[in-house]
């Protein structure tokens, strides 16, 4: 058997995790001295209420190597192989923690633990996990799944706009230099994840309407692969996501309403409320 493992930054619901038979290890979310576990002791409505009412910026913390080692050992005790799809190593130490945990294991058991650095977050991890589950159910080996995911991850594409770059800057995911004038009220930046798994400002637009037009143009330039779904993203409020979906639909890129995905606490802590965007697997280049 193959056990799929991920972290809470993948933003899969409890129902999805159960249906796909995926084990999740939560990251920590902290508002000052108050500590929570993403998806365990902190749900999304509570998180966004705290985000907008708290006087302090939230921070996140990665799982410990011991958390991973416990899951790996439990899987090996059952004779299972593990494929772990994890938050970008350029954004978090989560992947490194899993690597340390694997090194702590018996060398023979360690060969059955396959770690995939998603070089992405939230829906980027989701794409890889959906593909991994399909491959597992078709009888692929753990090594084959990991190899396919490593190939697929280069095609994950996310274009998103945040209301402010302050959260990314304060969380250390974007430098003040890269943010530039993005803190000005009317400047709406478009952010993306690079192939190295880092946050980058793709463009800065004046006004939300112009920003949505630019995201649509970027999607037309790097077109989605029709064999994979297109997802809309939002944090806290789906209104902007719905408006963007309308723009994309006019260009032939349909997003079903049940494919609007709310970003959870781990990533929401670093982008803030009212973000929105689109995520897809790009057609092979």
Foldseek 3Di string as FASTA:
>chain_A
DEAEEEECQQVDAPVRCVVLRHHYHWKWKDQDPDIDTFNPRDWQVNLQVCCVPGPGQMAIGEDALVVLLVVLVVQVVVPYAYEYEYEAVLQHCNQVSVVVSLVPDDPVSSVRYHYARLLETHNSSVVLSVQLSVCVVVPDGSVVSNVVSNVQSLQKWKKKKFQAQVLQCVRVLDPCVQCDPRHPRQWIWIWIRHSSSGIHTPDIDGHDVVSLVVQLVVCVVQDADVVKAKAKEFEPDCPSSVVSQVVNVVVPRHHDPVRYRYRTDNVCSRRPHGMMIMIHGTDDD
